[in-house]
Amino acid sequence: MRLDILNHGYGPGPKVLFALIRLCSGHPAPDAAKLVFYRPDFYGALAKEFTHEAMRGPSAWSVGDRELMAAYVSKVNESAFCG
């Protein structure tokens, strides 16, 4: 179930960011981004820290390899996060 608040429950900063994403990509911001910005104190800060460590922290894989694997897994899982 998708929460309707994710369509409008943001301050001016995230609203501008989402508008730029739509302008540049022609698509709305992904729901994952909307969730992170909606409740940064509850979920967003921890999720960003975890994701940053997984995607940019020390690894035998390059950043590009990790991004490619994330995109591939999202596509295979038919995830909306992979446009």
Protein backbone atom coordinates (compact mmCIF):
# COMPACT_ATOMS: atom_id res chain seq x y z
CA MET A 1 0.00 0.00 0.00
CA ARG A 2 1.32 3.46 -0.91
CA LEU A 3 0.71 6.30 1.51
CA ASP A 4 -1.04 9.32 -0.03
CA ILE A 5 1.01 11.63 2.23
CA LEU A 6 4.03 10.80 0.04
CA ASN A 7 2.41 12.93 -2.67
CA HIS A 8 2.31 16.16 -0.68
CA GLY A 9 3.79 15.98 2.84
CA TYR A 10 7.06 17.90 2.22
CA GLY A 11 8.67 21.24 2.97
CA PRO A 12 9.93 23.67 0.32
CA GLY A 13 13.40 22.08 -0.08
CA PRO A 14 12.26 18.59 -1.06
CA LYS A 15 9.47 20.06 -3.22
CA VAL A 16 12.07 21.97 -5.25
CA LEU A 17 14.27 18.89 -5.52
CA PHE A 18 11.35 16.75 -6.70
CA ALA A 19 10.39 19.40 -9.27
CA LEU A 20 13.96 19.41 -10.61
CA ILE A 21 13.96 15.63 -10.84
CA ARG A 22 10.71 15.75 -12.82
CA LEU A 23 12.03 18.56 -15.05
CA CYS A 24 15.32 16.83 -15.81
CA SER A 25 14.10 13.24 -16.12
CA GLY A 26 10.51 13.67 -17.25
CA HIS A 27 9.46 11.35 -14.42
CA PRO A 28 8.40 11.93 -10.82
CA ALA A 29 10.89 11.28 -8.04
CA PRO A 30 11.01 7.60 -7.05
CA ASP A 31 8.91 6.59 -4.05
CA ALA A 32 12.11 5.52 -2.26
CA ALA A 33 13.37 9.11 -2.40
CA LYS A 34 10.01 10.45 -1.29
CA LEU A 35 10.05 8.12 1.72
CA VAL A 36 13.56 9.19 2.73
CA PHE A 37 12.60 12.88 2.59
CA TYR A 38 9.23 12.42 4.28
CA ARG A 39 10.51 11.20 7.65
CA PRO A 40 14.29 11.79 7.73
CA ASP A 41 14.33 11.66 11.53
CA PHE A 42 12.56 8.30 11.63
CA TYR A 43 13.81 6.51 8.53
CA GLY A 44 15.70 8.73 6.13
CA ALA A 45 18.93 9.41 8.02
CA LEU A 46 19.47 5.73 8.87
CA ALA A 47 18.56 4.56 5.37
CA LYS A 48 20.92 7.09 3.75
CA GLU A 49 23.77 6.07 6.06
CA PHE A 50 23.24 2.36 5.33
CA THR A 51 22.90 2.91 1.59
CA HIS A 52 25.96 5.16 1.44
CA GLU A 53 28.07 2.57 3.25
CA ALA A 54 26.84 -0.23 0.98
CA MET A 55 27.26 1.72 -2.25
CA ARG A 56 30.33 3.87 -1.48
CA GLY A 57 32.12 2.21 1.43
CA PRO A 58 35.12 -0.11 1.19
CA SER A 59 34.51 -3.06 -1.13
CA ALA A 60 36.22 -5.35 -3.60
CA TRP A 61 33.62 -4.10 -6.10
CA SER A 62 33.91 -0.73 -7.82
CA VAL A 63 31.17 1.87 -7.32
CA GLY A 64 30.10 1.27 -10.92
CA ASP A 65 29.86 -2.50 -10.35
CA ARG A 66 27.68 -1.93 -7.28
CA GLU A 67 25.41 0.49 -9.13
CA LEU A 68 25.11 -1.92 -12.06
CA MET A 69 24.25 -4.83 -9.76
CA ALA A 70 21.65 -2.71 -7.94
CA ALA A 71 20.06 -1.75 -11.26
CA TYR A 72 20.12 -5.36 -12.48
CA VAL A 73 18.52 -6.73 -9.29
CA SER A 74 15.86 -4.01 -9.39
CA LYS A 75 15.09 -4.87 -13.01
CA VAL A 76 14.94 -8.61 -12.34
CA ASN A 77 12.63 -7.97 -9.38
CA GLU A 78 10.54 -5.65 -11.56
CA SER A 79 11.11 -2.88 -9.02
CA ALA A 80 9.80 0.61 -9.68
CA PHE A 81 13.14 1.96 -8.44
CA CYS A 82 14.75 0.95 -11.73
CA GLY A 83 13.32 3.21 -14.40
